[in-house]
Amino acid sequence: MAVPKRRTSSSKRDMRRAPNMKKTPPALSICPQCHEPKLPHRVCPNCNYYNGREIVASEEKSKAAK
């Protein structure tokens, strides 16, 4: 079985692992209703709209209905 002749330095080890640790920030899109940034294909956390429809009833409207 092959055995390394020399110890791998921490610098070489970390350089080898570096490409796997790259993270990309999440892509953001603009909400067509309120023009705030949001994650694509998700309900807007600011106005609760998705695809031109209100998905989650907002607290203000639910209080007004009572």
Protein backbone atom coordinates (compact mmCIF):
# COMPACT_ATOMS: atom_id res chain seq x y z
CA MET A 1 0.00 0.00 0.00
CA ALA A 2 1.30 3.47 -0.85
CA VAL A 3 2.38 5.64 2.07
CA PRO A 4 3.24 9.36 1.78
CA LYS A 5 6.94 10.10 2.16
CA ARG A 6 6.39 13.56 3.63
CA ARG A 7 3.62 15.12 5.68
CA THR A 8 1.25 17.37 3.69
CA SER A 9 1.51 20.91 5.00
CA SER A 10 -1.60 22.67 6.23
CA SER A 11 -1.19 25.19 3.40
CA LYS A 12 -1.27 22.49 0.70
CA ARG A 13 -4.14 20.71 2.42
CA ASP A 14 -6.18 23.92 2.63
CA MET A 15 -5.45 24.85 -1.00
CA ARG A 16 -6.77 21.44 -2.06
CA ARG A 17 -9.96 21.92 -0.05
CA ALA A 18 -10.53 25.56 -1.05
CA PRO A 19 -12.63 25.02 -4.24
CA ASN A 20 -15.16 22.95 -2.30
CA MET A 21 -15.71 25.73 0.22
CA LYS A 22 -16.71 28.42 -2.27
CA LYS A 23 -20.22 29.62 -1.61
CA THR A 24 -22.31 31.73 -3.92
CA PRO A 25 -24.78 34.25 -2.51
CA PRO A 26 -28.44 33.50 -3.24
CA ALA A 27 -29.81 35.08 -6.39
CA LEU A 28 -32.36 37.78 -5.70
CA SER A 29 -35.20 38.98 -7.88
CA ILE A 30 -37.37 42.06 -7.54
CA CYS A 31 -40.97 41.70 -6.41
CA PRO A 32 -43.29 43.16 -9.09
CA GLN A 33 -45.77 44.36 -6.42
CA CYS A 34 -43.61 46.15 -3.84
CA HIS A 35 -40.23 46.26 -5.70
CA GLU A 36 -38.35 44.75 -2.76
CA PRO A 37 -35.68 42.05 -3.31
CA LYS A 38 -36.89 38.49 -2.69
CA LEU A 39 -35.79 34.95 -3.43
CA PRO A 40 -37.02 33.73 -6.82
CA HIS A 41 -40.03 31.36 -6.95
CA ARG A 42 -41.06 32.24 -3.40
CA VAL A 43 -43.73 34.38 -1.76
CA CYS A 44 -42.51 37.92 -1.13
CA PRO A 45 -41.92 38.29 2.63
CA ASN A 46 -42.77 41.99 2.44
CA CYS A 47 -46.15 42.03 0.63
CA ASN A 48 -47.11 38.29 0.66
CA TYR A 49 -47.72 38.20 -3.11
CA TYR A 50 -46.67 35.50 -5.57
CA ASN A 51 -47.43 35.48 -9.28
CA GLY A 52 -49.72 38.50 -8.95
CA ARG A 53 -51.91 36.99 -6.21
CA GLU A 54 -51.89 37.46 -2.46
CA ILE A 55 -50.98 34.08 -1.01
CA VAL A 56 -50.76 34.74 2.73
CA ALA A 57 -53.39 36.99 4.24
CA SER A 58 -51.66 39.94 5.90
CA GLU A 59 -52.37 40.77 9.55
CA GLU A 60 -53.68 44.26 8.70
CA LYS A 61 -56.38 42.91 6.40
CA SER A 62 -57.37 40.14 8.81
CA LYS A 63 -57.79 42.71 11.65
CA ALA A 64 -59.89 44.97 9.40
CA ALA A 65 -62.18 42.05 8.51
CA LYS A 66 -62.99 41.35 12.17
